[in-house]
C-alpha atoms as a PDB file:
ATOM      1  CA  MET A   1     -53.262  -4.338 -76.950  1.00  0.00           C
ATOM      2  CA  LEU A   2     -51.955  -6.207 -80.102  1.00  0.00           C
ATOM      3  CA  ASP A   3     -54.528  -4.448 -82.240  1.00  0.00           C
ATOM      4  CA  SER A   4     -53.170  -1.107 -81.158  1.00  0.00           C
ATOM      5  CA  ILE A   5     -49.809  -1.929 -82.872  1.00  0.00           C
ATOM      6  CA  GLY A   6     -50.986  -3.289 -86.076  1.00  0.00           C
ATOM      7  CA  SER A   7     -52.468  -6.231 -87.561  1.00  0.00           C
ATOM      8  CA  TYR A   8     -50.883  -9.654 -88.071  1.00  0.00           C
ATOM      9  CA  GLY A   9     -52.546  -9.972 -91.556  1.00  0.00           C
ATOM     10  CA  PRO A  10     -51.029  -9.203 -94.835  1.00  0.00           C
ATOM     11  CA  PRO A  11     -48.938  -6.063 -95.086  1.00  0.00           C
ATOM     12  CA  GLY A  12     -49.405  -3.445 -97.775  1.00  0.00           C
ATOM     13  CA  PRO A  13     -47.768  -3.488-101.298  1.00  0.00           C
ATOM     14  CA  GLN A  14     -44.617  -5.435-101.364  1.00  0.00           C
ATOM     15  CA  PRO A  15     -41.418  -4.829-103.036  1.00  0.00           C
ATOM     16  CA  ALA A  16     -40.413  -6.800-106.146  1.00  0.00           C
ATOM     17  CA  PRO A  17     -38.780 -10.245-105.294  1.00  0.00           C
ATOM     18  CA  LYS A  18     -35.091 -10.073-104.816  1.00  0.00           C
ATOM     19  CA  LEU A  19     -34.795 -13.820-104.014  1.00  0.00           C
ATOM     20  CA  ILE A  20     -37.154 -16.673-104.357  1.00  0.00           C
ATOM     21  CA  VAL A  21     -36.962 -20.140-102.651  1.00  0.00           C
ATOM     22  CA  ASP A  22     -39.202 -22.420-104.634  1.00  0.00           C
ATOM     23  CA  GLY A  23     -40.022 -25.889-103.296  1.00  0.00           C
ATOM     24  CA  VAL A  24     -36.626 -26.521-101.667  1.00  0.00           C
ATOM     25  CA  SER A  25     -36.229 -29.773 -99.873  1.00  0.00           C
ATOM     26  CA  LYS A  26     -32.920 -31.455 -98.412  1.00  0.00           C
ATOM     27  CA  TRP A  27     -32.005 -34.702 -97.069  1.00  0.00           C
ATOM     28  CA  PHE A  28     -28.595 -35.560 -95.309  1.00  0.00           C
ATOM     29  CA  ARG A  29     -27.725 -39.201 -95.908  1.00  0.00           C
ATOM     30  CA  THR A  30     -25.184 -41.505 -94.270  1.00  0.00           C
ATOM     31  CA  PRO A  31     -24.782 -45.286 -94.519  1.00  0.00           C
ATOM     32  CA  ARG A  32     -26.790 -45.633 -91.255  1.00  0.00           C
ATOM     33  CA  ALA A  33     -29.494 -42.965 -91.576  1.00  0.00           C
ATOM     34  CA  SER A  34     -31.169 -40.385 -93.634  1.00  0.00           C
ATOM     35  CA  VAL A  35     -32.256 -37.123 -92.052  1.00  0.00           C
ATOM     36  CA  HIS A  36     -34.992 -35.176 -93.837  1.00  0.00           C
ATOM     37  CA  ALA A  37     -33.688 -31.473 -93.055  1.00  0.00           C
ATOM     38  CA  LEU A  38     -36.137 -29.364 -95.033  1.00  0.00           C
ATOM     39  CA  ASP A  39     -39.358 -30.042 -96.856  1.00  0.00           C
ATOM     40  CA  ASP A  40     -40.879 -27.866 -99.494  1.00  0.00           C
ATOM     41  CA  ILE A  41     -39.534 -24.599 -98.452  1.00  0.00           C
ATOM     42  CA  ASN A  42     -41.118 -21.705-100.353  1.00  0.00           C
ATOM     43  CA  LEU A  43     -40.237 -18.039 -99.594  1.00  0.00           C
ATOM     44  CA  SER A  44     -40.146 -14.845-101.499  1.00  0.00           C
ATOM     45  CA  VAL A  45     -37.839 -12.021-100.297  1.00  0.00           C
ATOM     46  CA  GLY A  46     -38.323  -8.440-101.398  1.00  0.00           C
ATOM     47  CA  ASP A  47     -35.722  -6.006-102.490  1.00  0.00           C
ATOM     48  CA  GLY A  48     -34.488  -4.348 -99.379  1.00  0.00           C
ATOM     49  CA  GLU A  49     -36.434  -6.617 -97.035  1.00  0.00           C
ATOM     50  CA  PHE A  50     -35.169  -7.812 -93.770  1.00  0.00           C
ATOM     51  CA  ILE A  51     -36.230 -11.350 -92.932  1.00  0.00           C
ATOM     52  CA  CYS A  52     -35.451 -13.315 -89.716  1.00  0.00           C
ATOM     53  CA  LEU A  53     -35.737 -17.100 -89.676  1.00  0.00           C
ATOM     54  CA  VAL A  54     -36.456 -18.639 -86.121  1.00  0.00           C
ATOM     55  CA  GLY A  55     -37.107 -22.045 -84.932  1.00  0.00           C
ATOM     56  CA  PRO A  56     -35.933 -24.795 -82.624  1.00  0.00           C
ATOM     57  CA  SER A  57     -32.608 -26.465 -83.135  1.00  0.00           C
ATOM     58  CA  GLY A  58     -32.789 -29.032 -85.814  1.00  0.00           C
ATOM     59  CA  CYS A  59     -35.255 -27.298 -88.002  1.00  0.00           C
ATOM     60  CA  GLY A  60     -32.904 -26.511 -90.832  1.00  0.00           C
ATOM     61  CA  LYS A  61     -32.494 -22.714 -90.575  1.00  0.00           C
ATOM     62  CA  SER A  62     -28.825 -22.738 -91.247  1.00  0.00           C
ATOM     63  CA  THR A  63     -29.144 -25.505 -93.926  1.00  0.00           C
ATOM     64  CA  LEU A  64     -31.556 -23.119 -95.771  1.00  0.00           C
ATOM     65  CA  LEU A  65     -29.135 -20.176 -95.351  1.00  0.00           C
ATOM     66  CA  ASP A  66     -26.364 -22.441 -96.921  1.00  0.00           C
ATOM     67  CA  ILE A  67     -28.674 -23.261 -99.829  1.00  0.00           C
ATOM     68  CA  ILE A  68     -29.516 -19.728-100.484  1.00  0.00           C
ATOM     69  CA  ALA A  69     -25.862 -18.866-100.393  1.00  0.00           C
ATOM     70  CA  GLY A  70     -24.937 -21.570-102.798  1.00  0.00           C
ATOM     71  CA  LEU A  71     -22.683 -23.353-100.263  1.00  0.00           C
ATOM     72  CA  THR A  72     -25.227 -26.426-100.170  1.00  0.00           C
ATOM     73  CA  ARG A  73     -27.156 -27.932-103.031  1.00  0.00           C
ATOM     74  CA  ALA A  74     -30.818 -28.546-102.568  1.00  0.00           C
ATOM     75  CA  ASP A  75     -32.062 -32.062-103.240  1.00  0.00           C
ATOM     76  CA  ALA A  76     -35.366 -30.708-104.752  1.00  0.00           C
ATOM     77  CA  GLY A  77     -36.705 -27.265-105.661  1.00  0.00           C
ATOM     78  CA  ARG A  78     -34.335 -24.296-106.606  1.00  0.00           C
ATOM     79  CA  VAL A  79     -33.335 -20.686-105.446  1.00  0.00           C
ATOM     80  CA  THR A  80     -33.234 -17.732-107.825  1.00  0.00           C
ATOM     81  CA  ALA A  81     -31.754 -14.377-106.980  1.00  0.00           C
ATOM     82  CA  ASP A  82     -32.436 -11.398-109.227  1.00  0.00           C
ATOM     83  CA  GLY A  83     -33.993 -13.882-111.682  1.00  0.00           C
ATOM     84  CA  GLN A  84     -30.798 -15.977-111.904  1.00  0.00           C
ATOM     85  CA  LEU A  85     -30.712 -19.567-110.661  1.00  0.00           C
ATOM     86  CA  VAL A  86     -28.303 -19.995-107.654  1.00  0.00           C
ATOM     87  CA  GLU A  87     -25.895 -22.849-108.639  1.00  0.00           C
ATOM     88  CA  GLY A  88     -23.002 -21.892-106.394  1.00  0.00           C
ATOM     89  CA  PRO A  89     -21.411 -19.286-104.225  1.00  0.00           C
ATOM     90  CA  GLY A  90     -21.197 -15.680-105.476  1.00  0.00           C
ATOM     91  CA  ARG A  91     -20.142 -12.315-104.361  1.00  0.00           C
ATOM     92  CA  HIS A  92     -23.748 -11.106-104.595  1.00  0.00           C
ATOM     93  CA  ARG A  93     -24.801 -13.454-101.713  1.00  0.00           C
ATOM     94  CA  LEU A  94     -22.300 -13.110 -98.705  1.00  0.00           C
ATOM     95  CA  VAL A  95     -22.455 -14.730 -95.360  1.00  0.00           C
ATOM     96  CA  MET A  96     -21.710 -13.447 -92.100  1.00  0.00           C
ATOM     97  CA  PHE A  97     -21.126 -16.137 -89.441  1.00  0.00           C
ATOM     98  CA  GLN A  98     -21.575 -16.572 -85.599  1.00  0.00           C
ATOM     99  CA  GLU A  99     -17.785 -16.262 -85.225  1.00  0.00           C
ATOM    100  CA  SER A 100     -16.362 -13.058 -86.857  1.00  0.00           C
ATOM    101  CA  ALA A 101     -13.945 -15.203 -88.926  1.00  0.00           C
ATOM    102  CA  LEU A 102     -11.405 -12.397 -89.224  1.00  0.00           C
ATOM    103  CA  PHE A 103      -7.956 -13.002 -90.401  1.00  0.00           C
ATOM    104  CA  PRO A 104      -5.783 -12.605 -87.227  1.00  0.00           C
ATOM    105  CA  TRP A 105      -2.667 -11.508 -89.000  1.00  0.00           C
ATOM    106  CA  LEU A 106      -4.521  -8.459 -90.861  1.00  0.00           C
ATOM    107  CA  THR A 107      -5.750  -5.342 -89.159  1.00  0.00           C
ATOM    108  CA  ALA A 108      -9.460  -4.326 -89.186  1.00  0.00           C
ATOM    109  CA  PHE A 109      -8.749  -2.255 -92.242  1.00  0.00           C
ATOM    110  CA  GLY A 110      -6.817  -5.150 -93.818  1.00  0.00           C
ATOM    111  CA  ASN A 111      -9.843  -7.501 -93.197  1.00  0.00           C
ATOM    112  CA  VAL A 112     -12.325  -5.122 -94.939  1.00  0.00           C
ATOM    113  CA  MET A 113      -9.877  -4.534 -97.829  1.00  0.00           C
ATOM    114  CA  PHE A 114      -9.761  -8.446 -98.197  1.00  0.00           C
ATOM    115  CA  GLY A 115     -13.361  -8.523 -98.740  1.00  0.00           C
ATOM    116  CA  LEU A 116     -13.159  -6.032-101.482  1.00  0.00           C
ATOM    117  CA  LYS A 117     -11.032  -8.432-103.483  1.00  0.00           C
ATOM    118  CA  LEU A 118     -14.208  -9.806-104.431  1.00  0.00           C
ATOM    119  CA  VAL A 119     -15.138  -6.538-106.440  1.00  0.00           C
ATOM    120  CA  PRO A 120     -13.720  -6.434-109.976  1.00  0.00           C
ATOM    121  CA  ASP A 121     -12.536  -3.190-111.579  1.00  0.00           C
ATOM    122  CA  LEU A 122     -11.655  -1.413-108.224  1.00  0.00           C
ATOM    123  CA  SER A 123      -8.457   0.313-108.028  1.00  0.00           C
ATOM    124  CA  ARG A 124      -6.387   0.083-104.810  1.00  0.00           C
ATOM    125  CA  ALA A 125      -7.335   3.680-104.037  1.00  0.00           C
ATOM    126  CA  GLU A 126     -10.971   2.935-104.437  1.00  0.00           C
ATOM    127  CA  ARG A 127     -10.718  -0.098-102.273  1.00  0.00           C
ATOM    128  CA  ARG A 128      -9.056   1.881 -99.537  1.00  0.00           C
ATOM    129  CA  GLU A 129     -11.537   4.658 -99.645  1.00  0.00           C
ATOM    130  CA  THR A 130     -14.496   2.001 -99.597  1.00  0.00           C
ATOM    131  CA  ALA A 131     -12.952   0.075 -96.647  1.00  0.00           C
ATOM    132  CA  LEU A 132     -12.488   3.231 -94.651  1.00  0.00           C
ATOM    133  CA  ARG A 133     -16.078   4.293 -95.468  1.00  0.00           C
ATOM    134  CA  TYR A 134     -17.575   1.134 -94.088  1.00  0.00           C
ATOM    135  CA  LEU A 135     -15.373   1.138 -91.007  1.00  0.00           C
ATOM    136  CA  ARG A 136     -16.614   4.545 -90.464  1.00  0.00           C
ATOM    137  CA  MET A 137     -20.230   3.467 -91.027  1.00  0.00           C
ATOM    138  CA  VAL A 138     -19.862   0.821 -88.116  1.00  0.00           C
ATOM    139  CA  GLY A 139     -18.014   3.344 -85.714  1.00  0.00           C
ATOM    140  CA  LEU A 140     -14.539   1.821 -86.110  1.00  0.00           C
ATOM    141  CA  GLU A 141     -12.588   4.284 -88.129  1.00  0.00           C
ATOM    142  CA  ARG A 142     -10.416   5.008 -85.164  1.00  0.00           C
ATOM    143  CA  PHE A 143      -9.508   1.300 -84.953  1.00  0.00           C
ATOM    144  CA  ALA A 144      -8.808   0.773 -88.777  1.00  0.00           C
ATOM    145  CA  HIS A 145      -5.183  -0.170 -87.905  1.00  0.00           C
ATOM    146  CA  ALA A 146      -5.803  -2.251 -84.820  1.00  0.00           C
ATOM    147  CA  ASN A 147      -4.901  -5.824 -84.761  1.00  0.00           C
ATOM    148  CA  VAL A 148      -7.693  -8.182 -84.340  1.00  0.00           C
ATOM    149  CA  HIS A 149      -6.588  -9.354 -80.942  1.00  0.00           C
ATOM    150  CA  GLU A 150      -6.876  -5.785 -79.580  1.00  0.00           C
ATOM    151  CA  LEU A 151     -10.647  -5.559 -80.521  1.00  0.00           C
ATOM    152  CA  SER A 152     -13.616  -6.653 -78.142  1.00  0.00           C
ATOM    153  CA  GLY A 153     -16.085  -9.310 -79.566  1.00  0.00           C
ATOM    154  CA  GLY A 154     -18.442  -6.685 -80.479  1.00  0.00           C
ATOM    155  CA  MET A 155     -15.958  -4.709 -82.391  1.00  0.00           C
ATOM    156  CA  ARG A 156     -14.669  -7.717 -84.188  1.00  0.00           C
ATOM    157  CA  GLN A 157     -18.360  -8.487 -85.361  1.00  0.00           C
ATOM    158  CA  ARG A 158     -18.414  -4.803 -86.353  1.00  0.00           C
ATOM    159  CA  VAL A 159     -15.592  -5.367 -88.475  1.00  0.00           C
ATOM    160  CA  ALA A 160     -16.998  -8.619 -89.894  1.00  0.00           C
ATOM    161  CA  PHE A 161     -20.283  -6.696 -90.752  1.00  0.00           C
ATOM    162  CA  ALA A 162     -18.310  -3.871 -92.567  1.00  0.00           C
ATOM    163  CA  ARG A 163     -16.372  -6.682 -94.561  1.00  0.00           C
ATOM    164  CA  SER A 164     -19.542  -8.254 -95.461  1.00  0.00           C
ATOM    165  CA  LEU A 165     -21.129  -5.052 -96.642  1.00  0.00           C
ATOM    166  CA  ALA A 166     -18.215  -3.442 -98.440  1.00  0.00           C
ATOM    167  CA  PRO A 167     -18.462  -5.528-101.621  1.00  0.00           C
ATOM    168  CA  ASP A 168     -22.027  -4.260-101.982  1.00  0.00           C
ATOM    169  CA  PRO A 169     -23.686  -7.819-101.964  1.00  0.00           C
ATOM    170  CA  HIS A 170     -27.259  -7.989-103.352  1.00  0.00           C
ATOM    171  CA  VAL A 171     -28.218 -10.169-100.259  1.00  0.00           C
ATOM    172  CA  LEU A 172     -26.403 -10.366 -96.867  1.00  0.00           C
ATOM    173  CA  LEU A 173     -26.846 -13.777 -95.189  1.00  0.00           C
ATOM    174  CA  MET A 174     -26.509 -13.628 -91.253  1.00  0.00           C
ATOM    175  CA  ASP A 175     -26.115 -16.945 -89.297  1.00  0.00           C
ATOM    176  CA  GLU A 176     -26.451 -16.056 -85.719  1.00  0.00           C
ATOM    177  CA  PRO A 177     -23.756 -13.324 -85.722  1.00  0.00           C
ATOM    178  CA  LEU A 178     -24.668 -11.849 -82.342  1.00  0.00           C
ATOM    179  CA  SER A 179     -25.449 -14.962 -80.278  1.00  0.00           C
ATOM    180  CA  ALA A 180     -21.933 -14.958 -78.382  1.00  0.00           C
ATOM    181  CA  LEU A 181     -22.179 -11.388 -77.451  1.00  0.00           C
ATOM    182  CA  ASP A 182     -23.153 -10.072 -74.124  1.00  0.00           C
ATOM    183  CA  ALA A 183     -26.485  -8.234 -73.755  1.00  0.00           C
ATOM    184  CA  LEU A 184     -25.279  -4.706 -73.866  1.00  0.00           C
ATOM    185  CA  THR A 185     -23.170  -5.185 -76.961  1.00  0.00           C
ATOM    186  CA  ARG A 186     -25.910  -6.935 -78.738  1.00  0.00           C
ATOM    187  CA  GLU A 187     -28.338  -4.040 -78.017  1.00  0.00           C
ATOM    188  CA  GLN A 188     -25.828  -1.545 -79.525  1.00  0.00           C
ATOM    189  CA  LEU A 189     -25.480  -3.758 -82.627  1.00  0.00           C
ATOM    190  CA  TYR A 190     -29.187  -3.909 -83.104  1.00  0.00           C
ATOM    191  CA  ALA A 191     -29.139  -0.108 -83.422  1.00  0.00           C
ATOM    192  CA  ASP A 192     -26.240  -0.185 -85.697  1.00  0.00           C
ATOM    193  CA  ILE A 193     -27.691  -2.963 -88.009  1.00  0.00           C
ATOM    194  CA  GLN A 194     -31.099  -1.120 -88.198  1.00  0.00           C
ATOM    195  CA  ARG A 195     -29.420   2.227 -89.109  1.00  0.00           C
ATOM    196  CA  ILE A 196     -27.212   0.677 -91.727  1.00  0.00           C
ATOM    197  CA  GLN A 197     -29.864  -1.613 -93.292  1.00  0.00           C
ATOM    198  CA  GLN A 198     -32.221   1.340 -93.548  1.00  0.00           C
ATOM    199  CA  ASP A 199     -29.558   3.670 -95.056  1.00  0.00           C
ATOM    200  CA  ARG A 200     -28.256   1.093 -97.486  1.00  0.00           C
ATOM    201  CA  ARG A 201     -31.680  -0.604 -98.061  1.00  0.00           C
ATOM    202  CA  LYS A 202     -29.821  -3.927 -98.125  1.00  0.00           C
ATOM    203  CA  THR A 203     -31.748  -7.201 -98.400  1.00  0.00           C
ATOM    204  CA  ILE A 204     -30.871  -9.371 -95.331  1.00  0.00           C
ATOM    205  CA  ILE A 205     -31.806 -12.796 -94.089  1.00  0.00           C
ATOM    206  CA  LEU A 206     -30.880 -13.384 -90.526  1.00  0.00           C
ATOM    207  CA  VAL A 207     -30.983 -16.792 -88.613  1.00  0.00           C
ATOM    208  CA  THR A 208     -31.458 -16.500 -85.048  1.00  0.00           C
ATOM    209  CA  HIS A 209     -32.798 -18.565 -81.971  1.00  0.00           C
ATOM    210  CA  ASN A 210     -33.473 -15.187 -80.127  1.00  0.00           C
ATOM    211  CA  VAL A 211     -37.168 -14.276 -80.906  1.00  0.00           C
ATOM    212  CA  ARG A 212     -36.739 -10.678 -79.414  1.00  0.00           C
ATOM    213  CA  GLU A 213     -33.893 -10.077 -81.548  1.00  0.00           C
ATOM    214  CA  ALA A 214     -35.709 -11.311 -84.703  1.00  0.00           C
ATOM    215  CA  VAL A 215     -38.627  -8.790 -83.857  1.00  0.00           C
ATOM    216  CA  CYS A 216     -36.257  -6.038 -83.241  1.00  0.00           C
ATOM    217  CA  LEU A 217     -34.453  -6.352 -86.533  1.00  0.00           C
ATOM    218  CA  GLY A 218     -36.967  -8.042 -89.046  1.00  0.00           C
ATOM    219  CA  ASP A 219     -39.722  -6.819 -91.208  1.00  0.00           C
ATOM    220  CA  ARG A 220     -40.981 -10.409 -91.328  1.00  0.00           C
ATOM    221  CA  VAL A 221     -40.295 -13.139 -88.859  1.00  0.00           C
ATOM    222  CA  ILE A 222     -40.388 -16.688 -90.496  1.00  0.00           C
ATOM    223  CA  LEU A 223     -41.187 -19.469 -88.024  1.00  0.00           C
ATOM    224  CA  LEU A 224     -39.698 -23.003 -89.033  1.00  0.00           C
ATOM    225  CA  SER A 225     -40.566 -26.242 -87.226  1.00  0.00           C
ATOM    226  CA  PRO A 226     -38.672 -29.707 -87.214  1.00  0.00           C
ATOM    227  CA  THR A 227     -38.202 -32.276 -88.443  1.00  0.00           C
ATOM    228  CA  PRO A 228     -38.169 -31.848 -91.321  1.00  0.00           C
ATOM    229  CA  GLY A 229     -37.971 -28.075 -91.361  1.00  0.00           C
ATOM    230  CA  ARG A 230     -41.135 -26.605 -92.708  1.00  0.00           C
ATOM    231  CA  ILE A 231     -42.337 -22.935 -92.836  1.00  0.00           C
ATOM    232  CA  ARG A 232     -45.172 -22.781 -90.389  1.00  0.00           C
ATOM    233  CA  GLU A 233     -45.990 -19.120 -89.972  1.00  0.00           C
ATOM    234  CA  SER A 234     -44.970 -15.756 -91.320  1.00  0.00           C
ATOM    235  CA  PHE A 235     -45.255 -12.790 -88.792  1.00  0.00           C
ATOM    236  CA  PRO A 236     -45.091  -9.151 -90.430  1.00  0.00           C
ATOM    237  CA  ILE A 237     -43.736  -6.814 -87.759  1.00  0.00           C
ATOM    238  CA  HIS A 238     -45.617  -3.446 -88.046  1.00  0.00           C
ATOM    239  CA  LEU A 239     -43.350  -1.340 -85.773  1.00  0.00           C
ATOM    240  CA  PRO A 240     -41.466   1.843 -86.743  1.00  0.00           C
ATOM    241  CA  ARG A 241     -37.894   2.156 -86.629  1.00  0.00           C
ATOM    242  CA  PRO A 242     -35.473   2.429 -84.914  1.00  0.00           C
ATOM    243  CA  ARG A 243     -36.789  -0.315 -82.636  1.00  0.00           C
ATOM    244  CA  ASP A 244     -36.068  -0.457 -78.829  1.00  0.00           C
ATOM    245  CA  VAL A 245     -35.536  -4.116 -78.082  1.00  0.00           C
ATOM    246  CA  ASN A 246     -37.021  -3.494 -74.517  1.00  0.00           C
ATOM    247  CA  SER A 247     -40.152  -1.738 -75.624  1.00  0.00           C
ATOM    248  CA  ILE A 248     -43.624  -3.031 -74.725  1.00  0.00           C
ATOM    249  CA  GLN A 249     -44.915  -3.158 -78.193  1.00  0.00           C
ATOM    250  CA  LEU A 250     -41.902  -5.384 -79.302  1.00  0.00           C
ATOM    251  CA  ALA A 251     -42.417  -7.534 -76.154  1.00  0.00           C
ATOM    252  CA  GLU A 252     -46.029  -8.259 -77.337  1.00  0.00           C
ATOM    253  CA  TYR A 253     -44.841  -9.415 -80.814  1.00  0.00           C
ATOM    254  CA  THR A 254     -42.152 -11.502 -79.156  1.00  0.00           C
ATOM    255  CA  GLU A 255     -44.728 -13.227 -76.697  1.00  0.00           C
ATOM    256  CA  ARG A 256     -47.024 -14.199 -79.604  1.00  0.00           C
ATOM    257  CA  ILE A 257     -44.261 -15.585 -81.869  1.00  0.00           C
ATOM    258  CA  THR A 258     -42.834 -17.301 -78.868  1.00  0.00           C
ATOM    259  CA  ALA A 259     -46.131 -18.995 -77.992  1.00  0.00           C
ATOM    260  CA  ALA A 260     -46.410 -20.122 -81.616  1.00  0.00           C
ATOM    261  CA  LEU A 261     -42.974 -21.634 -81.660  1.00  0.00           C
ATOM    262  CA  LYS A 262     -43.570 -23.500 -78.420  1.00  0.00           C
ATOM    263  CA  GLY A 263     -46.463 -25.174 -80.108  1.00  0.00           C
ATOM    264  CA  TYR A 264     -44.214 -26.584 -82.718  1.00  0.00           C
ATOM    265  CA  ILE A 265     -41.564 -28.180 -80.447  1.00  0.00           C
ATOM    266  CA  VAL A 266     -42.202 -31.793 -79.781  1.00  0.00           C
ATOM    267  CA  PRO A 267     -41.151 -32.911 -76.257  1.00  0.00           C
ATOM    268  CA  GLU A 268     -38.341 -35.521 -76.210  1.00  0.00           C
ATOM    269  CA  THR A 269     -39.375 -39.002 -75.145  1.00  0.00           C
ATOM    270  CA  VAL A 270     -37.538 -40.724 -72.345  1.00  0.00           C
END
């Protein structure tokens, strides 16, 4: 059955690298212990590619995302984006977190406008037009002037998504942004994220524990194992879009990746 939905071998011609992770390793040291979080991570991400990082807790997924964002410095190796060395945070690599992290004293519109302060040389009128365009894109134009506490969890994450996209970052980094939402809301956001990513051809790296989510959204699913975190396997997802998270074909990919993931989880000793 797997053969009927495409090979797991190398895909066709790949886009030019947008981002390169080259030999990245990371340790966290305290006076009492040293934790080897990441070991020799090598990853090339194409322009417009959607990459999903999956793996058990403690495999360093979020640490790797922070290093790519420039929020954490690697102890070895380097990250380049558009051929430039990543040495700190920048507006071309924005992070969307698990919590929406919206400013409660601002409206939905105000939160997206705040994100546009990162973009130089935009007039206030241009920022307003851009903020409304992205709220329209995530289906919240009618709620532009709603206060944050008046929005549901899914709506808040839509605002956070619009705020992250509006400054037009070269790479959007998403750290489990859907994990706290109910199943129906997540499924709606899967459709929204796929539609917007395809329309805007945005390069996205998503960290998730949900293998089915990764298969639904990603062009490739990268499997990390602990400890230290290492890239063990890469699974190209040869499924047409838009993808239905409940489809049989998607479930087959999910089953194979989940089986591989289980093979890298070391049982805890008592």
